[in-house]
Amino acid sequence: MENIRRGSYPVWQQAHPGNKALPLDRHTAESIYKEETVMLLATGGTMGMGFWVIYIAVILGFMYFIAIRPQKKEKKRQQEMFASIAIGDSVLTSSGFYGVIIDMTDDTVIVEFGNNKNCRIPMQKTAIVQVEKPEA
């Protein structure tokens, strides 16, 4: 037992000083190695695939709640706002100017800026970011 060379067997089979365990013969070592490999492939293959499926589902769910859902809500809010625009409403444009709508078409509005009634600018409805209804 003392004359067994280190390195001739895998680490888990080597005889250590003070350890009287005998190394396994080649046939037994190969069968154990094959069984361990088969078990690793059997469990690791299915667990690995399941892990990746769950991982991708979590990433897609995260992307939906962080990017897609808020964008849909904002688009819905804008569509409702554009549908509620009427002549006489006070609006805030994307450039930061406040004005009053004096005329409308399907996708364009004419906004009057200031009190002198001389500054009337046609613009797209998408340039409106906020609408205030006149108080009755």
C-alpha atoms as a PDB file:
ATOM      1  CA  MET A   1       0.000   0.000   0.000  1.00  0.00           C
ATOM      2  CA  GLU A   2       2.892   2.335   0.648  1.00  0.00           C
ATOM      3  CA  ASN A   3       4.233   2.065  -2.887  1.00  0.00           C
ATOM      4  CA  ILE A   4       1.169   3.590  -4.653  1.00  0.00           C
ATOM      5  CA  ARG A   5       2.240   6.567  -6.723  1.00  0.00           C
ATOM      6  CA  ARG A   6       0.265   9.785  -6.507  1.00  0.00           C
ATOM      7  CA  GLY A   7      -1.284  10.858  -9.803  1.00  0.00           C
ATOM      8  CA  SER A   8      -1.974   7.390 -11.155  1.00  0.00           C
ATOM      9  CA  TYR A   9      -5.599   7.619  -9.977  1.00  0.00           C
ATOM     10  CA  PRO A  10      -8.014  10.563  -9.821  1.00  0.00           C
ATOM     11  CA  VAL A  11      -7.726  12.696  -6.700  1.00  0.00           C
ATOM     12  CA  TRP A  12     -10.743  11.214  -4.927  1.00  0.00           C
ATOM     13  CA  GLN A  13      -9.251   7.722  -5.243  1.00  0.00           C
ATOM     14  CA  GLN A  14      -5.668   8.468  -4.198  1.00  0.00           C
ATOM     15  CA  ALA A  15      -4.323   7.006  -0.967  1.00  0.00           C
ATOM     16  CA  HIS A  16      -3.416   9.803   1.402  1.00  0.00           C
ATOM     17  CA  PRO A  17      -0.796   9.541   4.125  1.00  0.00           C
ATOM     18  CA  GLY A  18      -2.485   8.152   7.197  1.00  0.00           C
ATOM     19  CA  ASN A  19      -5.449   6.950   5.140  1.00  0.00           C
ATOM     20  CA  LYS A  20      -5.408   3.195   4.637  1.00  0.00           C
ATOM     21  CA  ALA A  21      -8.067   3.243   1.876  1.00  0.00           C
ATOM     22  CA  LEU A  22      -7.079   1.201  -1.142  1.00  0.00           C
ATOM     23  CA  PRO A  23      -7.464   2.718  -4.584  1.00  0.00           C
ATOM     24  CA  LEU A  24     -10.179   1.275  -6.792  1.00  0.00           C
ATOM     25  CA  ASP A  25      -9.258  -0.913  -9.709  1.00  0.00           C
ATOM     26  CA  ARG A  26      -9.595   0.474 -13.209  1.00  0.00           C
ATOM     27  CA  HIS A  27     -12.886  -1.291 -14.063  1.00  0.00           C
ATOM     28  CA  THR A  28     -14.621  -0.067 -10.895  1.00  0.00           C
ATOM     29  CA  ALA A  29     -13.295   3.469 -11.354  1.00  0.00           C
ATOM     30  CA  GLU A  30     -14.551   3.585 -14.951  1.00  0.00           C
ATOM     31  CA  SER A  31     -18.009   2.312 -14.012  1.00  0.00           C
ATOM     32  CA  ILE A  32     -18.297   4.872 -11.189  1.00  0.00           C
ATOM     33  CA  TYR A  33     -17.160   7.614 -13.554  1.00  0.00           C
ATOM     34  CA  LYS A  34     -19.731   6.559 -16.186  1.00  0.00           C
ATOM     35  CA  GLU A  35     -22.525   6.416 -13.606  1.00  0.00           C
ATOM     36  CA  GLU A  36     -21.606   9.870 -12.265  1.00  0.00           C
ATOM     37  CA  THR A  37     -21.446  11.264 -15.803  1.00  0.00           C
ATOM     38  CA  VAL A  38     -24.825   9.783 -16.724  1.00  0.00           C
ATOM     39  CA  MET A  39     -26.395  11.145 -13.514  1.00  0.00           C
ATOM     40  CA  LEU A  40     -24.878  14.592 -14.075  1.00  0.00           C
ATOM     41  CA  LEU A  41     -26.122  14.678 -17.648  1.00  0.00           C
ATOM     42  CA  ALA A  42     -29.562  13.412 -16.688  1.00  0.00           C
ATOM     43  CA  THR A  43     -30.115  15.872 -13.868  1.00  0.00           C
ATOM     44  CA  GLY A  44     -28.046  18.739 -15.218  1.00  0.00           C
ATOM     45  CA  GLY A  45     -29.606  18.589 -18.662  1.00  0.00           C
ATOM     46  CA  THR A  46     -33.181  18.907 -17.488  1.00  0.00           C
ATOM     47  CA  MET A  47     -32.394  21.279 -14.634  1.00  0.00           C
ATOM     48  CA  GLY A  48     -30.254  23.372 -16.935  1.00  0.00           C
ATOM     49  CA  MET A  49     -33.006  23.607 -19.549  1.00  0.00           C
ATOM     50  CA  GLY A  50     -35.634  24.400 -16.919  1.00  0.00           C
ATOM     51  CA  PHE A  51     -33.405  27.069 -15.439  1.00  0.00           C
ATOM     52  CA  TRP A  52     -32.950  28.785 -18.799  1.00  0.00           C
ATOM     53  CA  VAL A  53     -36.663  28.670 -19.585  1.00  0.00           C
ATOM     54  CA  ILE A  54     -37.474  30.257 -16.227  1.00  0.00           C
ATOM     55  CA  TYR A  55     -34.612  32.744 -16.627  1.00  0.00           C
ATOM     56  CA  ILE A  56     -35.866  33.904 -20.039  1.00  0.00           C
ATOM     57  CA  ALA A  57     -39.455  34.118 -18.757  1.00  0.00           C
ATOM     58  CA  VAL A  58     -38.336  36.281 -15.830  1.00  0.00           C
ATOM     59  CA  ILE A  59     -36.330  38.574 -18.127  1.00  0.00           C
ATOM     60  CA  LEU A  60     -39.264  38.954 -20.541  1.00  0.00           C
ATOM     61  CA  GLY A  61     -41.637  39.636 -17.642  1.00  0.00           C
ATOM     62  CA  PHE A  62     -39.244  42.229 -16.265  1.00  0.00           C
ATOM     63  CA  MET A  63     -39.001  43.922 -19.675  1.00  0.00           C
ATOM     64  CA  TYR A  64     -42.792  43.951 -20.010  1.00  0.00           C
ATOM     65  CA  PHE A  65     -43.328  45.662 -16.646  1.00  0.00           C
ATOM     66  CA  ILE A  66     -40.430  48.094 -17.046  1.00  0.00           C
ATOM     67  CA  ALA A  67     -40.708  49.098 -20.713  1.00  0.00           C
ATOM     68  CA  ILE A  68     -43.797  47.919 -22.565  1.00  0.00           C
ATOM     69  CA  ARG A  69     -46.591  48.350 -20.006  1.00  0.00           C
ATOM     70  CA  PRO A  70     -45.809  51.990 -19.062  1.00  0.00           C
ATOM     71  CA  GLN A  71     -45.481  52.896 -22.727  1.00  0.00           C
ATOM     72  CA  LYS A  72     -48.927  51.420 -23.480  1.00  0.00           C
ATOM     73  CA  LYS A  73     -50.460  53.285 -20.537  1.00  0.00           C
ATOM     74  CA  GLU A  74     -48.934  56.582 -21.694  1.00  0.00           C
ATOM     75  CA  LYS A  75     -50.153  56.053 -25.257  1.00  0.00           C
ATOM     76  CA  LYS A  76     -53.657  55.273 -23.995  1.00  0.00           C
ATOM     77  CA  ARG A  77     -53.618  58.428 -21.829  1.00  0.00           C
ATOM     78  CA  GLN A  78     -52.548  60.544 -24.832  1.00  0.00           C
ATOM     79  CA  GLN A  79     -55.261  59.057 -27.044  1.00  0.00           C
ATOM     80  CA  GLU A  80     -57.900  59.873 -24.408  1.00  0.00           C
ATOM     81  CA  MET A  81     -56.525  63.413 -24.094  1.00  0.00           C
ATOM     82  CA  PHE A  82     -56.575  63.967 -27.879  1.00  0.00           C
ATOM     83  CA  ALA A  83     -60.142  62.656 -28.062  1.00  0.00           C
ATOM     84  CA  SER A  84     -61.271  65.104 -25.366  1.00  0.00           C
ATOM     85  CA  ILE A  85     -59.773  68.239 -26.959  1.00  0.00           C
ATOM     86  CA  ALA A  86     -62.396  70.820 -27.884  1.00  0.00           C
ATOM     87  CA  ILE A  87     -62.459  74.411 -29.131  1.00  0.00           C
ATOM     88  CA  GLY A  88     -61.864  76.851 -26.278  1.00  0.00           C
ATOM     89  CA  ASP A  89     -59.622  74.520 -24.236  1.00  0.00           C
ATOM     90  CA  SER A  90     -56.413  75.919 -22.791  1.00  0.00           C
ATOM     91  CA  VAL A  91     -53.419  73.828 -23.840  1.00  0.00           C
ATOM     92  CA  LEU A  92     -49.734  73.514 -23.087  1.00  0.00           C
ATOM     93  CA  THR A  93     -47.606  72.708 -26.129  1.00  0.00           C
ATOM     94  CA  SER A  94     -44.460  70.616 -26.210  1.00  0.00           C
ATOM     95  CA  SER A  95     -42.451  73.812 -26.704  1.00  0.00           C
ATOM     96  CA  GLY A  96     -43.798  75.208 -23.417  1.00  0.00           C
ATOM     97  CA  PHE A  97     -46.281  77.783 -24.727  1.00  0.00           C
ATOM     98  CA  TYR A  98     -49.773  78.144 -23.287  1.00  0.00           C
ATOM     99  CA  GLY A  99     -52.605  78.910 -25.687  1.00  0.00           C
ATOM    100  CA  VAL A 100     -56.285  78.477 -26.476  1.00  0.00           C
ATOM    101  CA  ILE A 101     -57.613  76.255 -29.264  1.00  0.00           C
ATOM    102  CA  ILE A 102     -59.686  78.282 -31.728  1.00  0.00           C
ATOM    103  CA  ASP A 103     -60.085  75.743 -34.573  1.00  0.00           C
ATOM    104  CA  MET A 104     -59.574  72.003 -35.133  1.00  0.00           C
ATOM    105  CA  THR A 105     -59.318  69.418 -37.905  1.00  0.00           C
ATOM    106  CA  ASP A 106     -58.599  65.682 -37.647  1.00  0.00           C
ATOM    107  CA  ASP A 107     -54.897  65.965 -36.833  1.00  0.00           C
ATOM    108  CA  THR A 108     -54.281  69.736 -36.702  1.00  0.00           C
ATOM    109  CA  VAL A 109     -55.319  72.507 -34.321  1.00  0.00           C
ATOM    110  CA  ILE A 110     -54.981  76.274 -34.516  1.00  0.00           C
ATOM    111  CA  VAL A 111     -53.792  77.665 -31.213  1.00  0.00           C
ATOM    112  CA  GLU A 112     -54.016  81.312 -30.244  1.00  0.00           C
ATOM    113  CA  PHE A 113     -51.167  82.540 -28.041  1.00  0.00           C
ATOM    114  CA  GLY A 114     -51.270  85.690 -25.906  1.00  0.00           C
ATOM    115  CA  ASN A 115     -53.971  88.265 -25.383  1.00  0.00           C
ATOM    116  CA  ASN A 116     -53.553  90.312 -28.548  1.00  0.00           C
ATOM    117  CA  LYS A 117     -55.352  87.730 -30.773  1.00  0.00           C
ATOM    118  CA  ASN A 118     -52.751  88.185 -33.494  1.00  0.00           C
ATOM    119  CA  CYS A 119     -50.620  85.138 -32.780  1.00  0.00           C
ATOM    120  CA  ARG A 120     -52.432  82.108 -34.201  1.00  0.00           C
ATOM    121  CA  ILE A 121     -50.316  79.088 -35.056  1.00  0.00           C
ATOM    122  CA  PRO A 122     -51.484  75.843 -36.677  1.00  0.00           C
ATOM    123  CA  MET A 123     -49.859  72.754 -35.148  1.00  0.00           C
ATOM    124  CA  GLN A 124     -50.324  69.032 -34.904  1.00  0.00           C
ATOM    125  CA  LYS A 125     -52.379  67.591 -32.058  1.00  0.00           C
ATOM    126  CA  THR A 126     -49.374  65.514 -31.000  1.00  0.00           C
ATOM    127  CA  ALA A 127     -47.594  68.747 -30.001  1.00  0.00           C
ATOM    128  CA  ILE A 128     -50.111  69.217 -27.168  1.00  0.00           C
ATOM    129  CA  VAL A 129     -48.921  67.772 -23.861  1.00  0.00           C
ATOM    130  CA  GLN A 130     -51.585  69.068 -21.444  1.00  0.00           C
ATOM    131  CA  VAL A 131     -55.211  70.190 -21.737  1.00  0.00           C
ATOM    132  CA  GLU A 132     -57.199  72.319 -19.291  1.00  0.00           C
ATOM    133  CA  LYS A 133     -60.934  72.595 -19.769  1.00  0.00           C
ATOM    134  CA  PRO A 134     -62.381  76.095 -19.323  1.00  0.00           C
ATOM    135  CA  GLU A 135     -64.296  76.543 -16.080  1.00  0.00           C
ATOM    136  CA  ALA A 136     -68.002  76.925 -16.643  1.00  0.00           C
END
